[in-house]
């Protein structure tokens, strides 16, 4: 089963400001300011529509970026989603197995 990701509730309070080719994003809940590239911003915007499997998010981001299927590097995509998880902006919905 594919992993599904969703936005955390704090996302709804983010303040976005485009600046050149990046987005400056203020997170009131943590009083932190983040800088996102277009790919990272698109992943977050995609998940604001609802939870989605990782493969679906990547497909959506590629379409939004106007690149061919598979052209968005898997490592770049994985880095962006991992960073969003570290910031507490997205979360994995899959249940983890209990430790043995």
Protein backbone atom coordinates (compact mmCIF):
# COMPACT_ATOMS: atom_id res chain seq x y z
CA UNK A 1 0.00 0.00 0.00
CA UNK A 2 1.31 3.44 -0.93
CA UNK A 3 2.01 5.99 1.76
CA UNK A 4 -0.51 8.80 2.00
CA UNK A 5 0.33 12.29 3.15
CA UNK A 6 -1.88 15.07 4.47
CA UNK A 7 -1.40 18.61 5.70
CA UNK A 8 -1.35 19.24 9.42
CA UNK A 9 -3.84 21.75 10.86
CA UNK A 10 -1.19 24.49 11.18
CA UNK A 11 -1.06 24.83 7.39
CA UNK A 12 -4.34 26.71 7.32
CA UNK A 13 -2.76 29.67 9.14
CA UNK A 14 0.28 30.07 6.87
CA UNK A 15 0.95 33.47 5.31
CA UNK A 16 2.39 33.18 1.78
CA UNK A 17 4.44 35.78 -0.09
CA UNK A 18 5.92 35.00 -3.53
CA UNK A 19 9.37 36.50 -4.03
CA UNK A 20 11.23 35.98 -7.31
CA UNK A 21 11.37 32.20 -7.78
CA UNK A 22 10.73 31.26 -4.14
CA UNK A 23 7.95 31.61 -1.57
CA UNK A 24 8.44 33.20 1.82
CA UNK A 25 6.04 31.48 4.20
CA UNK A 26 5.33 32.68 7.73
CA UNK A 27 4.01 30.09 10.17
CA UNK A 28 2.24 31.94 13.03
CA UNK A 29 1.89 28.81 15.17
CA UNK A 30 5.68 28.52 15.48
CA UNK A 31 6.61 32.13 14.63
CA UNK A 32 8.98 30.69 12.03
CA UNK A 33 9.52 31.88 8.48
CA UNK A 34 10.29 29.32 5.78
CA UNK A 35 11.61 29.68 2.25
CA UNK A 36 10.15 27.19 -0.24
CA UNK A 37 11.04 26.61 -3.84
CA UNK A 38 8.23 26.11 -6.35
CA UNK A 39 8.22 22.31 -6.02
CA UNK A 40 7.90 22.40 -2.23
CA UNK A 41 5.17 25.04 -2.42
CA UNK A 42 3.25 22.99 -4.98
CA UNK A 43 3.42 19.85 -2.85
CA UNK A 44 1.94 21.74 0.08
CA UNK A 45 -0.73 23.37 -2.10
CA UNK A 46 -1.65 19.97 -3.56
CA UNK A 47 -2.16 18.46 -0.11
CA UNK A 48 -4.37 21.36 0.96
CA UNK A 49 -6.97 19.74 -1.33
CA UNK A 50 -6.92 16.58 0.80
CA UNK A 51 -4.79 13.52 1.61
CA UNK A 52 -3.13 11.82 -1.33
CA UNK A 53 -0.78 8.94 -2.05
CA UNK A 54 2.84 9.97 -2.56
CA UNK A 55 2.77 8.87 -6.21
CA UNK A 56 -0.30 11.03 -6.83
CA UNK A 57 1.35 14.05 -5.24
CA UNK A 58 4.43 13.62 -7.43
CA UNK A 59 2.27 13.27 -10.56
CA UNK A 60 0.29 16.39 -9.62
CA UNK A 61 3.47 18.39 -8.94
CA UNK A 62 4.96 17.37 -12.29
CA UNK A 63 1.80 18.45 -14.10
CA UNK A 64 1.71 21.77 -12.21
CA UNK A 65 5.37 22.37 -13.03
CA UNK A 66 4.72 21.55 -16.68
CA UNK A 67 7.30 18.76 -16.80
CA UNK A 68 6.95 15.28 -18.24
CA UNK A 69 5.92 12.34 -16.07
CA UNK A 70 9.01 11.12 -14.21
CA UNK A 71 11.01 14.29 -14.93
CA UNK A 72 10.83 15.57 -11.32
CA UNK A 73 13.78 13.85 -9.68
CA UNK A 74 12.70 11.36 -7.04
CA UNK A 75 15.46 12.57 -4.71
CA UNK A 76 14.30 16.20 -5.01
CA UNK A 77 10.69 15.20 -4.38
CA UNK A 78 11.65 13.02 -1.39
CA UNK A 79 13.77 15.85 0.07
CA UNK A 80 10.88 18.32 -0.24
CA UNK A 81 8.34 16.01 1.40
CA UNK A 82 10.78 15.06 4.17
CA UNK A 83 11.46 18.73 4.89
CA UNK A 84 7.73 19.51 5.06
CA UNK A 85 7.31 16.62 7.52
CA UNK A 86 10.23 17.88 9.65
CA UNK A 87 8.55 21.30 9.82
CA UNK A 88 5.32 19.65 10.97
CA UNK A 89 3.41 20.93 7.94
CA UNK A 90 2.52 17.51 6.51
CA UNK A 91 2.14 14.10 8.08
CA UNK A 92 2.01 10.50 6.98
CA UNK A 93 -1.41 8.91 7.46
CA UNK A 94 -0.24 5.30 7.24
CA UNK A 95 -0.31 3.28 10.39
CA UNK A 96 3.04 2.01 11.53
CA UNK A 97 3.49 -1.49 12.77
CA UNK A 98 3.89 -1.96 16.48
CA UNK A 99 7.52 -2.57 17.55
CA UNK A 100 8.45 -6.16 18.16
